[in-house]
Amino acid sequence: PEPEPEPEEEGEPAPVAVTVATVPTAIEVTPEEAGVTRRRF
């Protein structure tokens, strides 16, 4: 809701949109966790 008009003060920043971003996380897998490959089998 629009606030009641107040005396304008110099230097007050205007409202901006908020952006939420999620950075993907890379998980390293050890050979034991990955299991036996077809070639190795």
PDB file of all heavy atoms in Angstrom:
ATOM      1  N   PRO A   1       0.845  -1.230   0.000  1.00  0.00           N
ATOM      2  CA  PRO A   1       0.000   0.000   0.000  1.00  0.00           C
ATOM      3  C   PRO A   1       0.860   1.253   0.000  1.00  0.00           C
ATOM      4  O   PRO A   1       1.923   1.286   0.610  1.00  0.00           O
ATOM      5  CB  PRO A   1      -0.808  -0.124   1.290  1.00  0.00           C
ATOM      6  CG  PRO A   1      -0.019  -1.044   2.152  1.00  0.00           C
ATOM      7  CD  PRO A   1       0.659  -1.988   1.219  1.00  0.00           C
ATOM      8  N   GLU A   2       0.385   2.156  -0.792  1.00  0.00           N
ATOM      9  CA  GLU A   2       1.149   3.383  -0.907  1.00  0.00           C
ATOM     10  C   GLU A   2       1.161   4.118   0.420  1.00  0.00           C
ATOM     11  O   GLU A   2       0.119   4.337   1.047  1.00  0.00           O
ATOM     12  CB  GLU A   2       0.546   4.290  -1.974  1.00  0.00           C
ATOM     13  CG  GLU A   2       0.621   3.660  -3.371  1.00  0.00           C
ATOM     14  CD  GLU A   2       0.040   4.597  -4.404  1.00  0.00           C
ATOM     15  OE1 GLU A   2      -0.395   5.695  -4.003  1.00  0.00           O
ATOM     16  OE2 GLU A   2       0.044   4.224  -5.592  1.00  0.00           O
ATOM     17  N   PRO A   3       2.334   4.433   0.883  1.00  0.00           N
ATOM     18  CA  PRO A   3       2.382   5.172   2.164  1.00  0.00           C
ATOM     19  C   PRO A   3       1.912   6.622   1.976  1.00  0.00           C
ATOM     20  O   PRO A   3       1.830   7.138   0.859  1.00  0.00           O
ATOM     21  CB  PRO A   3       3.867   5.095   2.511  1.00  0.00           C
ATOM     22  CG  PRO A   3       4.555   4.985   1.185  1.00  0.00           C
ATOM     23  CD  PRO A   3       3.628   4.214   0.284  1.00  0.00           C
ATOM     24  N   GLU A   4       1.533   7.144   3.094  1.00  0.00           N
ATOM     25  CA  GLU A   4       1.106   8.541   3.042  1.00  0.00           C
ATOM     26  C   GLU A   4       2.278   9.393   2.621  1.00  0.00           C
ATOM     27  O   GLU A   4       3.421   9.113   2.945  1.00  0.00           O
ATOM     28  CB  GLU A   4       0.625   8.992   4.421  1.00  0.00           C
ATOM     29  CG  GLU A   4      -0.621   8.219   4.870  1.00  0.00           C
ATOM     30  CD  GLU A   4      -1.064   8.682   6.246  1.00  0.00           C
ATOM     31  OE1 GLU A   4      -0.362   9.561   6.810  1.00  0.00           O
ATOM     32  OE2 GLU A   4      -2.046   8.132   6.731  1.00  0.00           O
ATOM     33  N   PRO A   5       1.988  10.324   1.845  1.00  0.00           N
ATOM     34  CA  PRO A   5       3.076  11.173   1.385  1.00  0.00           C
ATOM     35  C   PRO A   5       3.814  11.831   2.535  1.00  0.00           C
ATOM     36  O   PRO A   5       3.218  12.296   3.489  1.00  0.00           O
ATOM     37  CB  PRO A   5       2.373  12.206   0.503  1.00  0.00           C
ATOM     38  CG  PRO A   5       0.948  12.155   0.894  1.00  0.00           C
ATOM     39  CD  PRO A   5       0.655  10.800   1.398  1.00  0.00           C
ATOM     40  N   GLU A   6       5.087  11.714   2.489  1.00  0.00           N
ATOM     41  CA  GLU A   6       5.933  12.309   3.494  1.00  0.00           C
ATOM     42  C   GLU A   6       6.898  13.264   2.814  1.00  0.00           C
ATOM     43  O   GLU A   6       7.155  13.152   1.621  1.00  0.00           O
ATOM     44  CB  GLU A   6       6.726  11.227   4.251  1.00  0.00           C
ATOM     45  CG  GLU A   6       5.839  10.302   5.040  1.00  0.00           C
ATOM     46  CD  GLU A   6       6.658   9.272   5.754  1.00  0.00           C
ATOM     47  OE1 GLU A   6       7.920   9.268   5.573  1.00  0.00           O
ATOM     48  OE2 GLU A   6       6.104   8.417   6.471  1.00  0.00           O
ATOM     49  N   PRO A   7       7.393  14.013   3.578  1.00  0.00           N
ATOM     50  CA  PRO A   7       8.356  14.942   2.977  1.00  0.00           C
ATOM     51  C   PRO A   7       9.517  14.151   2.407  1.00  0.00           C
ATOM     52  O   PRO A   7      10.047  13.228   3.030  1.00  0.00           O
ATOM     53  CB  PRO A   7       8.797  15.814   4.152  1.00  0.00           C
ATOM     54  CG  PRO A   7       7.731  15.673   5.160  1.00  0.00           C
ATOM     55  CD  PRO A   7       7.112  14.340   4.999  1.00  0.00           C
ATOM     56  N   GLU A   8       9.781  14.470   1.196  1.00  0.00           N
ATOM     57  CA  GLU A   8      10.865  13.773   0.527  1.00  0.00           C
ATOM     58  C   GLU A   8      12.202  14.175   1.120  1.00  0.00           C
ATOM     59  O   GLU A   8      12.436  15.324   1.431  1.00  0.00           O
ATOM     60  CB  GLU A   8      10.852  14.087  -0.964  1.00  0.00           C
ATOM     61  CG  GLU A   8       9.616  13.552  -1.682  1.00  0.00           C
ATOM     62  CD  GLU A   8       9.684  13.841  -3.158  1.00  0.00           C
ATOM     63  OE1 GLU A   8      10.677  14.444  -3.581  1.00  0.00           O
ATOM     64  OE2 GLU A   8       8.776  13.406  -3.895  1.00  0.00           O
ATOM     65  N   GLU A   9      13.035  13.118   1.300  1.00  0.00           N
ATOM     66  CA  GLU A   9      14.376  13.357   1.789  1.00  0.00           C
ATOM     67  C   GLU A   9      15.368  12.991   0.691  1.00  0.00           C
ATOM     68  O   GLU A   9      15.196  12.015  -0.038  1.00  0.00           O
ATOM     69  CB  GLU A   9      14.669  12.509   3.034  1.00  0.00           C
ATOM     70  CG  GLU A   9      13.763  12.857   4.206  1.00  0.00           C
ATOM     71  CD  GLU A   9      14.088  12.006   5.403  1.00  0.00           C
ATOM     72  OE1 GLU A   9      15.051  11.170   5.295  1.00  0.00           O
ATOM     73  OE2 GLU A   9      13.411  12.139   6.435  1.00  0.00           O
ATOM     74  N   GLU A  10      16.339  13.742   0.625  1.00  0.00           N
ATOM     75  CA  GLU A  10      17.336  13.520  -0.391  1.00  0.00           C
ATOM     76  C   GLU A  10      18.186  12.276  -0.066  1.00  0.00           C
ATOM     77  O   GLU A  10      18.490  12.019   1.092  1.00  0.00           O
ATOM     78  CB  GLU A  10      18.242  14.745  -0.494  1.00  0.00           C
ATOM     79  CG  GLU A  10      17.512  15.984  -0.982  1.00  0.00           C
ATOM     80  CD  GLU A  10      18.455  17.153  -1.101  1.00  0.00           C
ATOM     81  OE1 GLU A  10      19.673  16.937  -0.803  1.00  0.00           O
ATOM     82  OE2 GLU A  10      18.014  18.231  -1.514  1.00  0.00           O
ATOM     83  N   GLY A  11      18.531  11.538  -1.083  1.00  0.00           N
ATOM     84  CA  GLY A  11      19.416  10.371  -0.928  1.00  0.00           C
ATOM     85  C   GLY A  11      18.724   9.078  -0.571  1.00  0.00           C
ATOM     86  O   GLY A  11      19.382   8.076  -0.339  1.00  0.00           O
ATOM     87  N   GLU A  12      17.367   8.982  -0.472  1.00  0.00           N
ATOM     88  CA  GLU A  12      16.677   7.733  -0.124  1.00  0.00           C
ATOM     89  C   GLU A  12      16.544   6.890  -1.375  1.00  0.00           C
ATOM     90  O   GLU A  12      15.981   7.330  -2.375  1.00  0.00           O
ATOM     91  CB  GLU A  12      15.306   8.054   0.453  1.00  0.00           C
ATOM     92  CG  GLU A  12      14.567   6.801   0.928  1.00  0.00           C
ATOM     93  CD  GLU A  12      13.231   7.167   1.578  1.00  0.00           C
ATOM     94  OE1 GLU A  12      12.952   8.340   1.797  1.00  0.00           O
ATOM     95  OE2 GLU A  12      12.495   6.212   1.855  1.00  0.00           O
ATOM     96  N   PRO A  13      17.057   5.561  -1.358  1.00  0.00           N
ATOM     97  CA  PRO A  13      16.987   4.726  -2.563  1.00  0.00           C
ATOM     98  C   PRO A  13      15.583   4.246  -2.859  1.00  0.00           C
ATOM     99  O   PRO A  13      14.780   4.043  -1.962  1.00  0.00           O
ATOM    100  CB  PRO A  13      17.911   3.535  -2.236  1.00  0.00           C
ATOM    101  CG  PRO A  13      17.874   3.447  -0.756  1.00  0.00           C
ATOM    102  CD  PRO A  13      17.732   4.871  -0.244  1.00  0.00           C
ATOM    103  N   ALA A  14      15.307   4.056  -4.125  1.00  0.00           N
ATOM    104  CA  ALA A  14      14.000   3.553  -4.546  1.00  0.00           C
ATOM    105  C   ALA A  14      13.950   2.036  -4.367  1.00  0.00           C
ATOM    106  O   ALA A  14      14.963   1.346  -4.458  1.00  0.00           O
ATOM    107  CB  ALA A  14      13.755   3.916  -6.001  1.00  0.00           C
ATOM    108  N   PRO A  15      12.768   1.454  -4.065  1.00  0.00           N
ATOM    109  CA  PRO A  15      12.650  -0.005  -3.920  1.00  0.00           C
ATOM    110  C   PRO A  15      12.958  -0.717  -5.222  1.00  0.00           C
ATOM    111  O   PRO A  15      12.600  -0.248  -6.302  1.00  0.00           O
ATOM    112  CB  PRO A  15      11.207  -0.198  -3.498  1.00  0.00           C
ATOM    113  CG  PRO A  15      10.499   1.001  -3.986  1.00  0.00           C
ATOM    114  CD  PRO A  15      11.470   2.156  -3.897  1.00  0.00           C
ATOM    115  N   VAL A  16      13.649  -1.883  -5.103  1.00  0.00           N
ATOM    116  CA  VAL A  16      14.002  -2.686  -6.283  1.00  0.00           C
ATOM    117  C   VAL A  16      13.481  -4.105  -6.118  1.00  0.00           C
ATOM    118  O   VAL A  16      13.154  -4.543  -5.010  1.00  0.00           O
ATOM    119  CB  VAL A  16      15.533  -2.724  -6.481  1.00  0.00           C
ATOM    120  CG1 VAL A  16      16.069  -1.337  -6.799  1.00  0.00           C
ATOM    121  CG2 VAL A  16      16.210  -3.303  -5.251  1.00  0.00           C
ATOM    122  N   ALA A  17      13.400  -4.838  -7.232  1.00  0.00           N
ATOM    123  CA  ALA A  17      12.947  -6.238  -7.184  1.00  0.00           C
ATOM    124  C   ALA A  17      14.036  -7.128  -6.586  1.00  0.00           C
ATOM    125  O   ALA A  17      15.234  -6.882  -6.747  1.00  0.00           O
ATOM    126  CB  ALA A  17      12.597  -6.724  -8.587  1.00  0.00           C
ATOM    127  N   VAL A  18      13.604  -8.220  -5.888  1.00  0.00           N
ATOM    128  CA  VAL A  18      14.526  -9.163  -5.258  1.00  0.00           C
ATOM    129  C   VAL A  18      14.635 -10.425  -6.131  1.00  0.00           C
ATOM    130  O   VAL A  18      13.618 -11.033  -6.485  1.00  0.00           O
ATOM    131  CB  VAL A  18      14.078  -9.550  -3.839  1.00  0.00           C
ATOM    132  CG1 VAL A  18      15.023 -10.571  -3.233  1.00  0.00           C
ATOM    133  CG2 VAL A  18      13.987  -8.303  -2.980  1.00  0.00           C
ATOM    134  N   THR A  19      15.838 -10.808  -6.438  1.00  0.00           N
ATOM    135  CA  THR A  19      16.068 -12.011  -7.260  1.00  0.00           C
ATOM    136  C   THR A  19      16.739 -13.090  -6.401  1.00  0.00           C
ATOM    137  O   THR A  19      17.771 -12.852  -5.774  1.00  0.00           O
ATOM    138  CB  THR A  19      16.961 -11.695  -8.453  1.00  0.00           C
ATOM    139  OG1 THR A  19      16.325 -10.670  -9.244  1.00  0.00           O
ATOM    140  CG2 THR A  19      17.193 -12.939  -9.315  1.00  0.00           C
ATOM    141  N   VAL A  20      16.117 -14.305  -6.374  1.00  0.00           N
ATOM    142  CA  VAL A  20      16.648 -15.439  -5.597  1.00  0.00           C
ATOM    143  C   VAL A  20      17.230 -16.457  -6.578  1.00  0.00           C
ATOM    144  O   VAL A  20      16.533 -16.932  -7.480  1.00  0.00           O
ATOM    145  CB  VAL A  20      15.547 -16.087  -4.736  1.00  0.00           C
ATOM    146  CG1 VAL A  20      16.127 -17.268  -3.966  1.00  0.00           C
ATOM    147  CG2 VAL A  20      14.947 -15.062  -3.796  1.00  0.00           C
ATOM    148  N   ALA A  21      18.471 -16.748  -6.434  1.00  0.00           N
ATOM    149  CA  ALA A  21      19.139 -17.704  -7.319  1.00  0.00           C
ATOM    150  C   ALA A  21      19.794 -18.808  -6.488  1.00  0.00           C
ATOM    151  O   ALA A  21      20.324 -18.554  -5.406  1.00  0.00           O
ATOM    152  CB  ALA A  21      20.178 -17.002  -8.176  1.00  0.00           C
ATOM    153  N   THR A  22      19.734 -20.044  -6.981  1.00  0.00           N
ATOM    154  CA  THR A  22      20.362 -21.206  -6.328  1.00  0.00           C
ATOM    155  C   THR A  22      21.529 -21.682  -7.175  1.00  0.00           C
ATOM    156  O   THR A  22      21.362 -21.970  -8.363  1.00  0.00           O
ATOM    157  CB  THR A  22      19.361 -22.352  -6.153  1.00  0.00           C
ATOM    158  OG1 THR A  22      18.244 -21.859  -5.405  1.00  0.00           O
ATOM    159  CG2 THR A  22      19.996 -23.515  -5.425  1.00  0.00           C
ATOM    160  N   VAL A  23      22.692 -21.752  -6.579  1.00  0.00           N
ATOM    161  CA  VAL A  23      23.886 -22.194  -7.309  1.00  0.00           C
ATOM    162  C   VAL A  23      24.003 -23.727  -7.209  1.00  0.00           C
ATOM    163  O   VAL A  23      23.978 -24.273  -6.096  1.00  0.00           O
ATOM    164  CB  VAL A  23      25.153 -21.542  -6.733  1.00  0.00           C
ATOM    165  CG1 VAL A  23      26.393 -22.019  -7.489  1.00  0.00           C
ATOM    166  CG2 VAL A  23      25.018 -20.031  -6.808  1.00  0.00           C
ATOM    167  N   PRO A  24      24.068 -24.486  -8.337  1.00  0.00           N
ATOM    168  CA  PRO A  24      24.194 -25.949  -8.268  1.00  0.00           C
ATOM    169  C   PRO A  24      25.501 -26.364  -7.599  1.00  0.00           C
ATOM    170  O   PRO A  24      26.540 -25.730  -7.771  1.00  0.00           O
ATOM    171  CB  PRO A  24      24.165 -26.381  -9.739  1.00  0.00           C
ATOM    172  CG  PRO A  24      24.589 -25.165 -10.496  1.00  0.00           C
ATOM    173  CD  PRO A  24      24.065 -23.984  -9.730  1.00  0.00           C
ATOM    174  N   THR A  25      25.410 -27.421  -6.805  1.00  0.00           N
ATOM    175  CA  THR A  25      26.570 -27.913  -6.064  1.00  0.00           C
ATOM    176  C   THR A  25      27.096 -29.185  -6.719  1.00  0.00           C
ATOM    177  O   THR A  25      26.329 -30.129  -6.945  1.00  0.00           O
ATOM    178  CB  THR A  25      26.198 -28.198  -4.602  1.00  0.00           C
ATOM    179  OG1 THR A  25      25.668 -27.003  -4.027  1.00  0.00           O
ATOM    180  CG2 THR A  25      27.413 -28.650  -3.811  1.00  0.00           C
ATOM    181  N   ALA A  26      28.358 -29.247  -7.050  1.00  0.00           N
ATOM    182  CA  ALA A  26      28.986 -30.440  -7.648  1.00  0.00           C
ATOM    183  C   ALA A  26      29.546 -31.319  -6.540  1.00  0.00           C
ATOM    184  O   ALA A  26      30.297 -30.859  -5.686  1.00  0.00           O
ATOM    185  CB  ALA A  26      30.097 -30.034  -8.609  1.00  0.00           C
ATOM    186  N   ILE A  27      29.120 -32.589  -6.524  1.00  0.00           N
ATOM    187  CA  ILE A  27      29.564 -33.542  -5.503  1.00  0.00           C
ATOM    188  C   ILE A  27      30.523 -34.534  -6.144  1.00  0.00           C
ATOM    189  O   ILE A  27      30.177 -35.198  -7.120  1.00  0.00           O
ATOM    190  CB  ILE A  27      28.364 -34.272  -4.869  1.00  0.00           C
ATOM    191  CG1 ILE A  27      27.391 -33.259  -4.263  1.00  0.00           C
ATOM    192  CG2 ILE A  27      28.835 -35.280  -3.827  1.00  0.00           C
ATOM    193  CD1 ILE A  27      26.134 -33.891  -3.713  1.00  0.00           C
ATOM    194  N   GLU A  28      31.720 -34.643  -5.636  1.00  0.00           N
ATOM    195  CA  GLU A  28      32.694 -35.592  -6.151  1.00  0.00           C
ATOM    196  C   GLU A  28      32.365 -36.996  -5.653  1.00  0.00           C
ATOM    197  O   GLU A  28      32.027 -37.196  -4.490  1.00  0.00           O
ATOM    198  CB  GLU A  28      34.101 -35.203  -5.707  1.00  0.00           C
ATOM    199  CG  GLU A  28      34.573 -33.883  -6.301  1.00  0.00           C
ATOM    200  CD  GLU A  28      36.015 -33.587  -5.930  1.00  0.00           C
ATOM    201  OE1 GLU A  28      36.594 -34.426  -5.209  1.00  0.00           O
ATOM    202  OE2 GLU A  28      36.532 -32.539  -6.358  1.00  0.00           O
ATOM    203  N   VAL A  29      32.455 -37.970  -6.557  1.00  0.00           N
ATOM    204  CA  VAL A  29      32.140 -39.366  -6.244  1.00  0.00           C
ATOM    205  C   VAL A  29      33.420 -40.175  -6.314  1.00  0.00           C
ATOM    206  O   VAL A  29      34.133 -40.145  -7.318  1.00  0.00           O
ATOM    207  CB  VAL A  29      31.097 -39.936  -7.222  1.00  0.00           C
ATOM    208  CG1 VAL A  29      30.789 -41.382  -6.875  1.00  0.00           C
ATOM    209  CG2 VAL A  29      29.833 -39.091  -7.182  1.00  0.00           C
ATOM    210  N   THR A  30      33.725 -40.891  -5.250  1.00  0.00           N
ATOM    211  CA  THR A  30      34.913 -41.739  -5.221  1.00  0.00           C
ATOM    212  C   THR A  30      34.655 -43.025  -6.013  1.00  0.00           C
ATOM    213  O   THR A  30      33.496 -43.414  -6.230  1.00  0.00           O
ATOM    214  CB  THR A  30      35.282 -42.104  -3.773  1.00  0.00           C
ATOM    215  OG1 THR A  30      34.195 -42.850  -3.208  1.00  0.00           O
ATOM    216  CG2 THR A  30      35.507 -40.846  -2.948  1.00  0.00           C
ATOM    217  N   PRO A  31      35.717 -43.708  -6.476  1.00  0.00           N
ATOM    218  CA  PRO A  31      35.519 -44.979  -7.204  1.00  0.00           C
ATOM    219  C   PRO A  31      34.754 -46.007  -6.385  1.00  0.00           C
ATOM    220  O   PRO A  31      34.005 -46.805  -6.927  1.00  0.00           O
ATOM    221  CB  PRO A  31      36.954 -45.438  -7.499  1.00  0.00           C
ATOM    222  CG  PRO A  31      37.762 -44.183  -7.501  1.00  0.00           C
ATOM    223  CD  PRO A  31      37.128 -43.295  -6.484  1.00  0.00           C
ATOM    224  N   GLU A  32      34.953 -46.002  -5.045  1.00  0.00           N
ATOM    225  CA  GLU A  32      34.236 -46.966  -4.212  1.00  0.00           C
ATOM    226  C   GLU A  32      32.745 -46.680  -4.217  1.00  0.00           C
ATOM    227  O   GLU A  32      31.908 -47.581  -4.232  1.00  0.00           O
ATOM    228  CB  GLU A  32      34.774 -46.932  -2.775  1.00  0.00           C
ATOM    229  CG  GLU A  32      36.185 -47.498  -2.617  1.00  0.00           C
ATOM    230  CD  GLU A  32      37.240 -46.533  -3.125  1.00  0.00           C
ATOM    231  OE1 GLU A  32      36.886 -45.353  -3.380  1.00  0.00           O
ATOM    232  OE2 GLU A  32      38.409 -46.948  -3.249  1.00  0.00           O
ATOM    233  N   GLU A  33      32.363 -45.352  -4.199  1.00  0.00           N
ATOM    234  CA  GLU A  33      30.952 -44.993  -4.215  1.00  0.00           C
ATOM    235  C   GLU A  33      30.336 -45.216  -5.592  1.00  0.00           C
ATOM    236  O   GLU A  33      29.169 -45.582  -5.699  1.00  0.00           O
ATOM    237  CB  GLU A  33      30.789 -43.536  -3.802  1.00  0.00           C
ATOM    238  CG  GLU A  33      31.193 -43.244  -2.358  1.00  0.00           C
ATOM    239  CD  GLU A  33      31.142 -41.766  -2.041  1.00  0.00           C
ATOM    240  OE1 GLU A  33      31.170 -40.944  -2.979  1.00  0.00           O
ATOM    241  OE2 GLU A  33      31.072 -41.445  -0.844  1.00  0.00           O
ATOM    242  N   ALA A  34      31.135 -44.985  -6.635  1.00  0.00           N
ATOM    243  CA  ALA A  34      30.599 -45.161  -7.988  1.00  0.00           C
ATOM    244  C   ALA A  34      30.394 -46.624  -8.334  1.00  0.00           C
ATOM    245  O   ALA A  34      29.564 -46.978  -9.153  1.00  0.00           O
ATOM    246  CB  ALA A  34      31.547 -44.523  -9.003  1.00  0.00           C
ATOM    247  N   GLY A  35      31.126 -47.548  -7.682  1.00  0.00           N
ATOM    248  CA  GLY A  35      31.010 -48.969  -7.961  1.00  0.00           C
ATOM    249  C   GLY A  35      31.922 -49.406  -9.091  1.00  0.00           C
ATOM    250  O   GLY A  35      32.779 -48.657  -9.554  1.00  0.00           O
ATOM    251  N   VAL A  36      31.742 -50.662  -9.572  1.00  0.00           N
ATOM    252  CA  VAL A  36      32.585 -51.245 -10.606  1.00  0.00           C
ATOM    253  C   VAL A  36      32.016 -50.907 -11.974  1.00  0.00           C
ATOM    254  O   VAL A  36      30.839 -51.129 -12.240  1.00  0.00           O
ATOM    255  CB  VAL A  36      32.678 -52.774 -10.434  1.00  0.00           C
ATOM    256  CG1 VAL A  36      33.568 -53.384 -11.514  1.00  0.00           C
ATOM    257  CG2 VAL A  36      33.215 -53.111  -9.058  1.00  0.00           C
ATOM    258  N   THR A  37      32.851 -50.378 -12.853  1.00  0.00           N
ATOM    259  CA  THR A  37      32.401 -50.047 -14.196  1.00  0.00           C
ATOM    260  C   THR A  37      32.297 -51.312 -15.043  1.00  0.00           C
ATOM    261  O   THR A  37      32.811 -52.368 -14.685  1.00  0.00           O
ATOM    262  CB  THR A  37      33.382 -49.070 -14.858  1.00  0.00           C
ATOM    263  OG1 THR A  37      34.652 -49.725 -14.981  1.00  0.00           O
ATOM    264  CG2 THR A  37      33.529 -47.797 -14.033  1.00  0.00           C
ATOM    265  N   ARG A  38      31.632 -51.181 -16.178  1.00  0.00           N
ATOM    266  CA  ARG A  38      31.485 -52.339 -17.074  1.00  0.00           C
ATOM    267  C   ARG A  38      32.852 -52.806 -17.562  1.00  0.00           C
ATOM    268  O   ARG A  38      33.130 -53.996 -17.621  1.00  0.00           O
ATOM    269  CB  ARG A  38      30.608 -51.963 -18.264  1.00  0.00           C
ATOM    270  CG  ARG A  38      29.123 -51.842 -17.932  1.00  0.00           C
ATOM    271  CD  ARG A  38      28.318 -51.732 -19.219  1.00  0.00           C
ATOM    272  NE  ARG A  38      26.899 -51.617 -18.937  1.00  0.00           N
ATOM    273  CZ  ARG A  38      26.259 -50.459 -18.822  1.00  0.00           C
ATOM    274  NH1 ARG A  38      26.940 -49.330 -18.950  1.00  0.00           N
ATOM    275  NH2 ARG A  38      24.971 -50.424 -18.583  1.00  0.00           N
ATOM    276  N   ARG A  39      33.696 -51.845 -17.937  1.00  0.00           N
ATOM    277  CA  ARG A  39      35.010 -52.231 -18.441  1.00  0.00           C
ATOM    278  C   ARG A  39      35.809 -52.957 -17.380  1.00  0.00           C
ATOM    279  O   ARG A  39      36.444 -53.975 -17.650  1.00  0.00           O
ATOM    280  CB  ARG A  39      35.769 -50.980 -18.891  1.00  0.00           C
ATOM    281  CG  ARG A  39      37.203 -51.278 -19.334  1.00  0.00           C
ATOM    282  CD  ARG A  39      37.889 -50.052 -19.856  1.00  0.00           C
ATOM    283  NE  ARG A  39      37.288 -49.593 -21.093  1.00  0.00           N
ATOM    284  CZ  ARG A  39      37.723 -48.528 -21.774  1.00  0.00           C
ATOM    285  NH1 ARG A  39      38.736 -47.832 -21.305  1.00  0.00           N
ATOM    286  NH2 ARG A  39      37.148 -48.174 -22.894  1.00  0.00           N
ATOM    287  N   ARG A  40      35.767 -52.437 -16.152  1.00  0.00           N
ATOM    288  CA  ARG A  40      36.515 -53.095 -15.090  1.00  0.00           C
ATOM    289  C   ARG A  40      35.948 -54.480 -14.793  1.00  0.00           C
ATOM    290  O   ARG A  40      36.689 -55.431 -14.538  1.00  0.00           O
ATOM    291  CB  ARG A  40      36.463 -52.237 -13.821  1.00  0.00           C
ATOM    292  CG  ARG A  40      37.298 -52.783 -12.666  1.00  0.00           C
ATOM    293  CD  ARG A  40      37.252 -51.863 -11.469  1.00  0.00           C
ATOM    294  NE  ARG A  40      37.780 -50.539 -11.809  1.00  0.00           N
ATOM    295  CZ  ARG A  40      37.766 -49.517 -10.957  1.00  0.00           C
ATOM    296  NH1 ARG A  40      37.256 -49.668  -9.754  1.00  0.00           N
ATOM    297  NH2 ARG A  40      38.254 -48.343 -11.326  1.00  0.00           N
ATOM    298  N   PHE A  41      34.626 -54.624 -14.860  1.00  0.00           N
ATOM    299  CA  PHE A  41      34.009 -55.926 -14.600  1.00  0.00           C
ATOM    300  C   PHE A  41      34.464 -56.962 -15.623  1.00  0.00           C
ATOM    301  O   PHE A  41      34.851 -58.079 -15.280  1.00  0.00           O
ATOM    302  CB  PHE A  41      32.486 -55.793 -14.631  1.00  0.00           C
ATOM    303  CG  PHE A  41      31.762 -57.107 -14.608  1.00  0.00           C
ATOM    304  CD1 PHE A  41      31.623 -57.829 -13.427  1.00  0.00           C
ATOM    305  CD2 PHE A  41      31.239 -57.638 -15.776  1.00  0.00           C
ATOM    306  CE1 PHE A  41      30.967 -59.045 -13.416  1.00  0.00           C
ATOM    307  CE2 PHE A  41      30.581 -58.854 -15.769  1.00  0.00           C
ATOM    308  CZ  PHE A  41      30.449 -59.554 -14.584  1.00  0.00           C
TER     309      PHE A  41
END
